[in-house]
Amino acid sequence: ILAHAGLASRREAEQWILEGRVAVNGAVVRELGTRADPTKDSIKVDGKRVKHANVPLYFALHKPPGVVTTLDDPQHRPDLTRFVRNLGEKKRVYPVGRLDFNSSGLLLLTNDGELAQRLMHPRFGVSKVYHVKLSACPTAEDLGRLRKGIRLEDGITAPARARVLEKLKK
C-alpha cells in the first residue's frame, strides 16, 4: 500500500514497518505482510495519513550509461532524479528493476506497486532480454555457465538463454 501510494519502494516500506513507523487504525504494525484496505482503513506513516494513490503512472525511460538505477544514491553518483524531477513530489515514481551503471536501455518507472511486483518477482516468470556488447567474444564455456546459472553473493542466477548475435570486425 505504501509503495502503491508512491511513498517508498517496497523495501523501504518494509523497513518502515519493522521500525514501527506505520500504524493501521491506530495500531502500530511491525509484522511484514499485515493486510489493510487503503479505501477503508486509516493508514499512517510517522503520524501522517497515507492517501490512496488514485492515478497510476507509467513512464518508459531510456536510461543512459553513467546513471544509477535509483532515486537516492548514497554514493552521490548521477541517478534517476533529474529525469523525474519535473513530475513533482506528489507524483513519486520508482524504477521497475535495474540496469547496471554503465548500461543503457529501457527502464519502466511507475507508482504502481502491484505491477512492479508482477514484473520483477521471479515467480511470475517475466522474461527479460539483454543485448550486450563485449570487449571479447564469450567462449562456449562462458555461454554454458550462463545457461546453467551463475553463483553470485546472494545466490545462483536463473538459467539464461545466451547466444552470440554478431561478431564485430576488429
N, C-alpha and C. Protein backbone atom coordinates (compact mmCIF):
# COMPACT_ATOMS: atom_id res chain seq x y z
N ILE A 1 0.83 -1.20 0.00
CA ILE A 1 0.00 0.00 0.00
C ILE A 1 0.87 1.25 0.00
N LEU A 2 1.94 1.22 0.80
CA LEU A 2 2.83 2.39 0.88
C LEU A 2 3.55 2.60 -0.44
N ALA A 3 4.01 1.52 -1.06
CA ALA A 3 4.68 1.63 -2.36
C ALA A 3 3.69 2.10 -3.41
N HIS A 4 2.49 1.55 -3.38
CA HIS A 4 1.47 1.93 -4.37
C HIS A 4 1.09 3.40 -4.22
N ALA A 5 1.12 3.90 -3.00
CA ALA A 5 0.81 5.32 -2.76
C ALA A 5 1.95 6.22 -3.20
N GLY A 6 3.08 5.61 -3.59
CA GLY A 6 4.21 6.39 -4.08
C GLY A 6 5.07 6.98 -2.98
N LEU A 7 4.97 6.45 -1.77
CA LEU A 7 5.74 6.99 -0.66
C LEU A 7 7.14 6.42 -0.56
N ALA A 8 7.30 5.17 -1.01
CA ALA A 8 8.58 4.49 -0.84
C ALA A 8 8.60 3.26 -1.73
N SER A 9 9.79 2.71 -1.89
CA SER A 9 9.89 1.42 -2.57
C SER A 9 9.35 0.36 -1.62
N ARG A 10 9.12 -0.84 -2.11
CA ARG A 10 8.65 -1.93 -1.24
C ARG A 10 9.66 -2.20 -0.12
N ARG A 11 10.93 -2.20 -0.44
CA ARG A 11 11.95 -2.46 0.59
C ARG A 11 11.96 -1.36 1.66
N GLU A 12 11.85 -0.11 1.22
CA GLU A 12 11.80 0.99 2.18
C GLU A 12 10.57 0.86 3.07
N ALA A 13 9.42 0.54 2.46
CA ALA A 13 8.18 0.41 3.22
C ALA A 13 8.30 -0.71 4.25
N GLU A 14 8.92 -1.82 3.86
CA GLU A 14 9.13 -2.92 4.81
C GLU A 14 10.00 -2.46 5.98
N GLN A 15 11.02 -1.68 5.69
CA GLN A 15 11.89 -1.17 6.75
C GLN A 15 11.11 -0.26 7.69
N TRP A 16 10.23 0.58 7.14
CA TRP A 16 9.40 1.46 7.96
C TRP A 16 8.52 0.64 8.91
N ILE A 17 7.97 -0.45 8.38
CA ILE A 17 7.12 -1.32 9.21
C ILE A 17 7.95 -1.91 10.34
N LEU A 18 9.12 -2.46 10.02
CA LEU A 18 9.98 -3.06 11.04
C LEU A 18 10.42 -2.04 12.09
N GLU A 19 10.55 -0.77 11.67
CA GLU A 19 10.95 0.30 12.59
C GLU A 19 9.78 0.82 13.42
N GLY A 20 8.55 0.33 13.14
CA GLY A 20 7.39 0.77 13.91
C GLY A 20 6.86 2.13 13.50
N ARG A 21 7.14 2.54 12.29
CA ARG A 21 6.71 3.87 11.83
C ARG A 21 5.33 3.86 11.20
N VAL A 22 4.74 2.66 11.00
CA VAL A 22 3.46 2.52 10.30
C VAL A 22 2.38 2.09 11.28
N ALA A 23 1.21 2.73 11.17
CA ALA A 23 0.06 2.37 12.01
C ALA A 23 -1.16 2.16 11.11
N VAL A 24 -1.95 1.15 11.46
CA VAL A 24 -3.21 0.88 10.77
C VAL A 24 -4.31 0.96 11.81
N ASN A 25 -5.26 1.86 11.58
CA ASN A 25 -6.38 2.09 12.50
C ASN A 25 -5.88 2.34 13.92
N GLY A 26 -4.79 3.10 14.05
CA GLY A 26 -4.26 3.48 15.34
C GLY A 26 -3.30 2.49 15.98
N ALA A 27 -3.18 1.30 15.42
CA ALA A 27 -2.29 0.29 15.99
C ALA A 27 -1.00 0.21 15.18
N VAL A 28 0.14 0.29 15.86
CA VAL A 28 1.43 0.20 15.18
C VAL A 28 1.58 -1.20 14.61
N VAL A 29 2.02 -1.26 13.37
CA VAL A 29 2.22 -2.53 12.67
C VAL A 29 3.71 -2.79 12.59
N ARG A 30 4.13 -4.00 13.00
CA ARG A 30 5.55 -4.37 12.93
C ARG A 30 5.75 -5.69 12.19
N GLU A 31 4.66 -6.29 11.74
CA GLU A 31 4.75 -7.58 11.06
C GLU A 31 4.57 -7.39 9.55
N LEU A 32 5.60 -7.82 8.79
CA LEU A 32 5.52 -7.73 7.34
C LEU A 32 4.39 -8.62 6.83
N GLY A 33 3.68 -8.14 5.83
CA GLY A 33 2.58 -8.91 5.26
C GLY A 33 1.25 -8.62 5.92
N THR A 34 1.23 -7.71 6.90
CA THR A 34 -0.03 -7.33 7.53
C THR A 34 -0.95 -6.72 6.48
N ARG A 35 -2.20 -7.14 6.50
CA ARG A 35 -3.15 -6.68 5.48
C ARG A 35 -3.92 -5.46 5.94
N ALA A 36 -4.22 -4.60 4.98
CA ALA A 36 -5.05 -3.42 5.23
C ALA A 36 -5.72 -3.06 3.92
N ASP A 37 -6.78 -2.29 4.00
CA ASP A 37 -7.50 -1.83 2.82
C ASP A 37 -7.38 -0.31 2.77
N PRO A 38 -6.65 0.22 1.78
CA PRO A 38 -6.43 1.68 1.75
C PRO A 38 -7.71 2.49 1.56
N THR A 39 -8.79 1.86 1.11
CA THR A 39 -10.05 2.59 0.93
C THR A 39 -10.89 2.58 2.20
N LYS A 40 -10.57 1.68 3.17
CA LYS A 40 -11.39 1.57 4.39
C LYS A 40 -10.61 1.85 5.67
N ASP A 41 -9.32 1.49 5.67
CA ASP A 41 -8.52 1.62 6.89
C ASP A 41 -7.77 2.94 6.94
N SER A 42 -7.50 3.39 8.16
CA SER A 42 -6.68 4.58 8.38
C SER A 42 -5.23 4.11 8.48
N ILE A 43 -4.42 4.48 7.50
CA ILE A 43 -3.02 4.07 7.46
C ILE A 43 -2.16 5.32 7.61
N LYS A 44 -1.23 5.27 8.57
CA LYS A 44 -0.38 6.43 8.82
C LYS A 44 1.08 6.02 8.87
N VAL A 45 1.93 6.91 8.38
CA VAL A 45 3.38 6.76 8.50
C VAL A 45 3.89 7.97 9.26
N ASP A 46 4.55 7.72 10.36
CA ASP A 46 5.06 8.80 11.21
C ASP A 46 3.95 9.78 11.59
N GLY A 47 2.76 9.24 11.81
CA GLY A 47 1.62 10.05 12.22
C GLY A 47 0.88 10.77 11.10
N LYS A 48 1.38 10.67 9.88
CA LYS A 48 0.72 11.34 8.75
C LYS A 48 -0.07 10.31 7.94
N ARG A 49 -1.31 10.66 7.65
CA ARG A 49 -2.19 9.74 6.93
C ARG A 49 -1.70 9.51 5.49
N VAL A 50 -1.77 8.26 5.08
CA VAL A 50 -1.38 7.88 3.72
C VAL A 50 -2.59 8.05 2.83
N LYS A 51 -2.43 8.82 1.78
CA LYS A 51 -3.51 9.00 0.81
C LYS A 51 -3.40 7.93 -0.25
N HIS A 52 -4.52 7.34 -0.56
CA HIS A 52 -4.56 6.29 -1.58
C HIS A 52 -4.21 6.88 -2.94
N ALA A 53 -3.28 6.23 -3.64
CA ALA A 53 -2.87 6.69 -4.97
C ALA A 53 -3.98 6.34 -5.96
N ASN A 54 -4.65 7.34 -6.47
CA ASN A 54 -5.77 7.11 -7.38
C ASN A 54 -5.33 6.87 -8.82
N VAL A 55 -4.32 7.59 -9.24
CA VAL A 55 -3.94 7.54 -10.65
C VAL A 55 -2.59 6.84 -10.79
N PRO A 56 -2.59 5.66 -11.41
CA PRO A 56 -1.30 5.01 -11.64
C PRO A 56 -0.53 5.73 -12.74
N LEU A 57 0.77 5.83 -12.54
CA LEU A 57 1.64 6.50 -13.52
C LEU A 57 2.62 5.48 -14.09
N TYR A 58 2.86 5.58 -15.40
CA TYR A 58 3.79 4.68 -16.07
C TYR A 58 4.62 5.50 -17.05
N PHE A 59 5.94 5.37 -16.93
CA PHE A 59 6.85 6.06 -17.83
C PHE A 59 7.89 5.09 -18.34
N ALA A 60 8.19 5.18 -19.61
CA ALA A 60 9.30 4.42 -20.20
C ALA A 60 10.46 5.40 -20.36
N LEU A 61 11.62 5.00 -19.89
CA LEU A 61 12.80 5.86 -19.92
C LEU A 61 13.95 5.08 -20.55
N HIS A 62 14.63 5.71 -21.48
CA HIS A 62 15.86 5.11 -21.99
C HIS A 62 16.99 5.58 -21.08
N LYS A 63 17.41 4.70 -20.17
CA LYS A 63 18.46 5.06 -19.21
C LYS A 63 19.79 5.12 -19.93
N PRO A 64 20.46 6.25 -19.82
CA PRO A 64 21.79 6.35 -20.45
C PRO A 64 22.85 5.70 -19.57
N PRO A 65 24.00 5.37 -20.13
CA PRO A 65 25.10 4.87 -19.31
C PRO A 65 25.57 5.96 -18.34
N GLY A 66 26.16 5.55 -17.24
CA GLY A 66 26.67 6.52 -16.27
C GLY A 66 25.61 7.03 -15.32
N VAL A 67 24.49 6.31 -15.20
CA VAL A 67 23.40 6.69 -14.30
C VAL A 67 23.03 5.47 -13.47
N VAL A 68 22.88 5.66 -12.14
CA VAL A 68 22.50 4.57 -11.24
C VAL A 68 20.97 4.44 -11.26
N THR A 69 20.49 3.21 -11.27
CA THR A 69 19.04 2.96 -11.31
C THR A 69 18.46 3.07 -9.90
N THR A 70 18.41 4.29 -9.39
CA THR A 70 17.81 4.59 -8.10
C THR A 70 17.44 6.07 -8.10
N LEU A 71 16.65 6.47 -7.12
CA LEU A 71 16.29 7.87 -6.98
C LEU A 71 17.05 8.52 -5.82
N ASP A 72 17.86 7.73 -5.12
CA ASP A 72 18.60 8.27 -3.98
C ASP A 72 19.85 7.44 -3.80
N ASP A 73 20.95 7.86 -4.41
CA ASP A 73 22.18 7.10 -4.32
C ASP A 73 23.03 7.61 -3.16
N PRO A 74 23.32 6.76 -2.17
CA PRO A 74 24.13 7.21 -1.03
C PRO A 74 25.56 7.59 -1.42
N GLN A 75 26.02 7.11 -2.58
CA GLN A 75 27.38 7.45 -3.02
C GLN A 75 27.38 8.72 -3.89
N HIS A 76 26.23 9.32 -4.06
CA HIS A 76 26.07 10.59 -4.78
C HIS A 76 26.48 10.53 -6.25
N ARG A 77 26.29 9.36 -6.86
CA ARG A 77 26.53 9.24 -8.31
C ARG A 77 25.30 9.77 -9.04
N PRO A 78 25.42 10.08 -10.31
CA PRO A 78 24.23 10.52 -11.06
C PRO A 78 23.16 9.43 -10.99
N ASP A 79 21.92 9.84 -10.65
CA ASP A 79 20.84 8.88 -10.55
C ASP A 79 19.64 9.33 -11.38
N LEU A 80 18.49 8.72 -11.18
CA LEU A 80 17.31 8.99 -12.00
C LEU A 80 16.56 10.27 -11.60
N THR A 81 16.98 10.90 -10.53
CA THR A 81 16.26 12.07 -10.01
C THR A 81 16.05 13.15 -11.08
N ARG A 82 17.08 13.44 -11.84
CA ARG A 82 16.95 14.52 -12.84
C ARG A 82 15.90 14.22 -13.89
N PHE A 83 15.61 12.92 -14.13
CA PHE A 83 14.65 12.54 -15.15
C PHE A 83 13.21 12.64 -14.66
N VAL A 84 13.00 12.57 -13.33
CA VAL A 84 11.64 12.60 -12.79
C VAL A 84 11.35 13.87 -11.98
N ARG A 85 12.33 14.75 -11.87
CA ARG A 85 12.19 15.96 -11.06
C ARG A 85 10.95 16.79 -11.44
N ASN A 86 10.67 16.91 -12.72
CA ASN A 86 9.55 17.74 -13.17
C ASN A 86 8.18 17.14 -12.90
N LEU A 87 8.11 15.89 -12.46
CA LEU A 87 6.82 15.28 -12.13
C LEU A 87 6.25 15.86 -10.85
N GLY A 88 7.11 16.35 -9.98
CA GLY A 88 6.68 16.89 -8.69
C GLY A 88 6.73 15.84 -7.61
N GLU A 89 6.84 16.27 -6.39
CA GLU A 89 6.99 15.38 -5.23
C GLU A 89 5.79 14.47 -5.03
N LYS A 90 4.58 14.93 -5.35
CA LYS A 90 3.38 14.13 -5.12
C LYS A 90 3.22 13.01 -6.13
N LYS A 91 3.96 13.06 -7.21
CA LYS A 91 3.87 12.02 -8.23
C LYS A 91 5.13 11.17 -8.20
N ARG A 92 5.39 10.58 -7.05
CA ARG A 92 6.61 9.79 -6.88
C ARG A 92 6.50 8.49 -7.66
N VAL A 93 7.46 8.27 -8.50
CA VAL A 93 7.57 7.01 -9.23
C VAL A 93 8.92 6.39 -8.88
N TYR A 94 9.04 5.11 -9.14
CA TYR A 94 10.29 4.42 -8.86
C TYR A 94 10.57 3.44 -9.99
N PRO A 95 11.82 3.03 -10.14
CA PRO A 95 12.18 2.14 -11.24
C PRO A 95 11.71 0.72 -11.00
N VAL A 96 11.32 0.05 -12.08
CA VAL A 96 10.97 -1.37 -12.03
C VAL A 96 12.20 -2.12 -12.52
N GLY A 97 12.90 -2.76 -11.61
CA GLY A 97 14.12 -3.47 -11.97
C GLY A 97 15.32 -2.54 -11.99
N ARG A 98 16.42 -3.07 -12.53
CA ARG A 98 17.68 -2.32 -12.53
C ARG A 98 18.43 -2.53 -13.83
N LEU A 99 19.21 -1.54 -14.16
CA LEU A 99 20.22 -1.66 -15.21
C LEU A 99 21.53 -1.20 -14.57
N ASP A 100 22.60 -1.86 -14.90
CA ASP A 100 23.91 -1.51 -14.34
C ASP A 100 24.28 -0.07 -14.68
N PHE A 101 25.17 0.48 -13.87
CA PHE A 101 25.64 1.85 -14.02
C PHE A 101 26.08 2.16 -15.45
N ASN A 102 26.86 1.28 -16.05
CA ASN A 102 27.39 1.54 -17.40
C ASN A 102 26.47 1.06 -18.51
N SER A 103 25.31 0.50 -18.17
CA SER A 103 24.36 0.01 -19.17
C SER A 103 23.40 1.10 -19.59
N SER A 104 22.87 0.94 -20.78
CA SER A 104 21.77 1.81 -21.22
C SER A 104 20.66 0.90 -21.69
N GLY A 105 19.43 1.41 -21.66
CA GLY A 105 18.32 0.60 -22.13
C GLY A 105 17.00 1.06 -21.55
N LEU A 106 15.96 0.32 -21.90
CA LEU A 106 14.60 0.66 -21.48
C LEU A 106 14.39 0.35 -20.01
N LEU A 107 13.83 1.31 -19.30
CA LEU A 107 13.53 1.17 -17.89
C LEU A 107 12.11 1.69 -17.67
N LEU A 108 11.31 0.94 -16.96
CA LEU A 108 9.96 1.36 -16.63
C LEU A 108 9.98 2.04 -15.27
N LEU A 109 9.31 3.18 -15.17
CA LEU A 109 9.14 3.90 -13.90
C LEU A 109 7.65 3.95 -13.62
N THR A 110 7.24 3.68 -12.38
CA THR A 110 5.82 3.68 -12.06
C THR A 110 5.59 3.94 -10.58
N ASN A 111 4.35 4.22 -10.23
CA ASN A 111 3.93 4.27 -8.84
C ASN A 111 3.01 3.09 -8.54
N ASP A 112 2.88 2.18 -9.50
CA ASP A 112 2.00 1.01 -9.40
C ASP A 112 2.79 -0.16 -8.81
N GLY A 113 2.74 -0.29 -7.49
CA GLY A 113 3.49 -1.33 -6.80
C GLY A 113 3.10 -2.74 -7.21
N GLU A 114 1.82 -2.96 -7.47
CA GLU A 114 1.37 -4.30 -7.86
C GLU A 114 1.97 -4.70 -9.21
N LEU A 115 1.93 -3.79 -10.17
CA LEU A 115 2.52 -4.10 -11.48
C LEU A 115 4.02 -4.31 -11.34
N ALA A 116 4.69 -3.47 -10.58
CA ALA A 116 6.14 -3.61 -10.40
C ALA A 116 6.47 -4.98 -9.82
N GLN A 117 5.71 -5.41 -8.84
CA GLN A 117 5.93 -6.72 -8.22
C GLN A 117 5.74 -7.84 -9.24
N ARG A 118 4.69 -7.75 -10.06
CA ARG A 118 4.42 -8.79 -11.06
C ARG A 118 5.49 -8.84 -12.14
N LEU A 119 6.10 -7.71 -12.43
CA LEU A 119 7.16 -7.70 -13.44
C LEU A 119 8.51 -8.15 -12.89
N MET A 120 8.78 -7.87 -11.62
CA MET A 120 10.11 -8.14 -11.07
C MET A 120 10.24 -9.50 -10.39
N HIS A 121 9.21 -9.97 -9.73
CA HIS A 121 9.37 -11.18 -8.93
C HIS A 121 9.49 -12.42 -9.80
N PRO A 122 10.49 -13.24 -9.55
CA PRO A 122 10.73 -14.42 -10.39
C PRO A 122 9.54 -15.37 -10.51
N ARG A 123 8.67 -15.43 -9.50
CA ARG A 123 7.57 -16.40 -9.56
C ARG A 123 6.58 -16.10 -10.69
N PHE A 124 6.61 -14.88 -11.22
CA PHE A 124 5.71 -14.54 -12.32
C PHE A 124 6.32 -14.84 -13.69
N GLY A 125 7.60 -15.17 -13.72
CA GLY A 125 8.25 -15.65 -14.94
C GLY A 125 8.32 -14.66 -16.09
N VAL A 126 8.42 -13.38 -15.81
CA VAL A 126 8.52 -12.39 -16.88
C VAL A 126 9.94 -12.41 -17.44
N SER A 127 10.05 -12.66 -18.73
CA SER A 127 11.37 -12.73 -19.36
C SER A 127 11.96 -11.35 -19.56
N LYS A 128 13.25 -11.29 -19.47
CA LYS A 128 13.98 -10.05 -19.73
C LYS A 128 15.00 -10.34 -20.82
N VAL A 129 15.16 -9.40 -21.73
CA VAL A 129 16.09 -9.59 -22.84
C VAL A 129 17.17 -8.52 -22.77
N TYR A 130 18.42 -8.96 -22.86
CA TYR A 130 19.55 -8.04 -22.83
C TYR A 130 20.40 -8.28 -24.07
N HIS A 131 20.76 -7.22 -24.75
CA HIS A 131 21.74 -7.27 -25.83
C HIS A 131 22.95 -6.53 -25.31
N VAL A 132 24.08 -7.19 -25.31
CA VAL A 132 25.28 -6.56 -24.75
C VAL A 132 26.42 -6.60 -25.76
N LYS A 133 27.26 -5.58 -25.68
CA LYS A 133 28.50 -5.55 -26.47
C LYS A 133 29.63 -5.82 -25.51
N LEU A 134 30.48 -6.77 -25.87
CA LEU A 134 31.60 -7.15 -25.02
C LEU A 134 32.92 -6.81 -25.70
N SER A 135 33.96 -6.65 -24.91
CA SER A 135 35.27 -6.36 -25.49
C SER A 135 35.90 -7.60 -26.10
N ALA A 136 35.41 -8.77 -25.72
CA ALA A 136 35.90 -10.03 -26.29
C ALA A 136 34.72 -10.97 -26.45
N CYS A 137 34.81 -11.86 -27.43
CA CYS A 137 33.73 -12.80 -27.68
C CYS A 137 33.72 -13.88 -26.59
N PRO A 138 32.53 -14.16 -25.99
CA PRO A 138 32.48 -15.20 -24.97
C PRO A 138 32.77 -16.57 -25.57
N THR A 139 33.40 -17.42 -24.78
CA THR A 139 33.70 -18.78 -25.23
C THR A 139 32.45 -19.65 -25.06
N ALA A 140 32.49 -20.82 -25.63
CA ALA A 140 31.39 -21.78 -25.45
C ALA A 140 31.21 -22.10 -23.96
N GLU A 141 32.33 -22.17 -23.24
CA GLU A 141 32.28 -22.43 -21.80
C GLU A 141 31.59 -21.28 -21.06
N ASP A 142 31.90 -20.03 -21.44
CA ASP A 142 31.25 -18.86 -20.83
C ASP A 142 29.74 -18.92 -21.03
N LEU A 143 29.32 -19.19 -22.25
CA LEU A 143 27.89 -19.26 -22.56
C LEU A 143 27.24 -20.41 -21.81
N GLY A 144 27.95 -21.53 -21.67
CA GLY A 144 27.44 -22.67 -20.93
C GLY A 144 27.15 -22.34 -19.48
N ARG A 145 28.05 -21.56 -18.86
CA ARG A 145 27.83 -21.15 -17.46
C ARG A 145 26.59 -20.28 -17.35
N LEU A 146 26.40 -19.36 -18.29
CA LEU A 146 25.20 -18.51 -18.27
C LEU A 146 23.94 -19.36 -18.39
N ARG A 147 24.01 -20.37 -19.22
CA ARG A 147 22.85 -21.24 -19.45
C ARG A 147 22.50 -22.08 -18.22
N LYS A 148 23.48 -22.35 -17.38
CA LYS A 148 23.25 -23.15 -16.16
C LYS A 148 22.87 -22.28 -14.97
N GLY A 149 23.30 -21.03 -14.97
CA GLY A 149 23.13 -20.15 -13.81
C GLY A 149 24.48 -19.91 -13.17
N ILE A 150 24.69 -18.71 -12.71
CA ILE A 150 25.98 -18.32 -12.15
C ILE A 150 25.80 -18.01 -10.67
N ARG A 151 26.74 -18.48 -9.86
CA ARG A 151 26.68 -18.20 -8.42
C ARG A 151 27.12 -16.76 -8.16
N LEU A 152 26.27 -16.02 -7.47
CA LEU A 152 26.56 -14.65 -7.04
C LEU A 152 26.53 -14.62 -5.52
N GLU A 153 26.82 -13.48 -4.92
CA GLU A 153 26.82 -13.36 -3.46
C GLU A 153 25.48 -13.74 -2.86
N ASP A 154 24.38 -13.39 -3.53
CA ASP A 154 23.05 -13.63 -2.97
C ASP A 154 22.37 -14.88 -3.53
N GLY A 155 23.11 -15.75 -4.20
CA GLY A 155 22.53 -16.99 -4.70
C GLY A 155 22.90 -17.22 -6.16
N ILE A 156 22.27 -18.22 -6.74
CA ILE A 156 22.53 -18.58 -8.13
C ILE A 156 21.50 -17.91 -9.03
N THR A 157 21.97 -17.38 -10.13
CA THR A 157 21.04 -16.75 -11.09
C THR A 157 20.21 -17.83 -11.77
N ALA A 158 19.10 -17.43 -12.32
CA ALA A 158 18.28 -18.36 -13.10
C ALA A 158 19.03 -18.70 -14.38
N PRO A 159 18.81 -19.88 -14.93
CA PRO A 159 19.43 -20.20 -16.21
C PRO A 159 19.00 -19.18 -17.27
N ALA A 160 19.93 -18.83 -18.14
CA ALA A 160 19.65 -17.83 -19.17
C ALA A 160 19.83 -18.44 -20.55
N ARG A 161 19.08 -17.94 -21.49
CA ARG A 161 19.36 -18.27 -22.88
C ARG A 161 20.41 -17.28 -23.33
N ALA A 162 21.50 -17.77 -23.87
CA ALA A 162 22.59 -16.88 -24.27
C ALA A 162 23.15 -17.33 -25.60
N ARG A 163 23.36 -16.35 -26.47
CA ARG A 163 23.97 -16.67 -27.77
C ARG A 163 24.65 -15.43 -28.31
N VAL A 164 25.59 -15.65 -29.20
CA VAL A 164 26.29 -14.56 -29.86
C VAL A 164 25.45 -14.15 -31.06
N LEU A 165 25.06 -12.89 -31.09
CA LEU A 165 24.25 -12.38 -32.20
C LEU A 165 25.10 -11.94 -33.38
N GLU A 166 26.25 -11.34 -33.06
CA GLU A 166 27.08 -10.77 -34.11
C GLU A 166 28.50 -10.61 -33.58
N LYS A 167 29.46 -10.91 -34.41
CA LYS A 167 30.86 -10.66 -34.07
C LYS A 167 31.30 -9.44 -34.88
N LEU A 168 31.77 -8.44 -34.17
CA LEU A 168 32.21 -7.22 -34.85
C LEU A 168 33.63 -7.40 -35.37
N LYS A 169 33.90 -6.76 -36.47
CA LYS A 169 35.26 -6.81 -37.03
C LYS A 169 36.18 -5.95 -36.21
N LYS A 170 37.42 -6.38 -36.09
CA LYS A 170 38.41 -5.62 -35.30
C LYS A 170 38.90 -4.43 -36.02
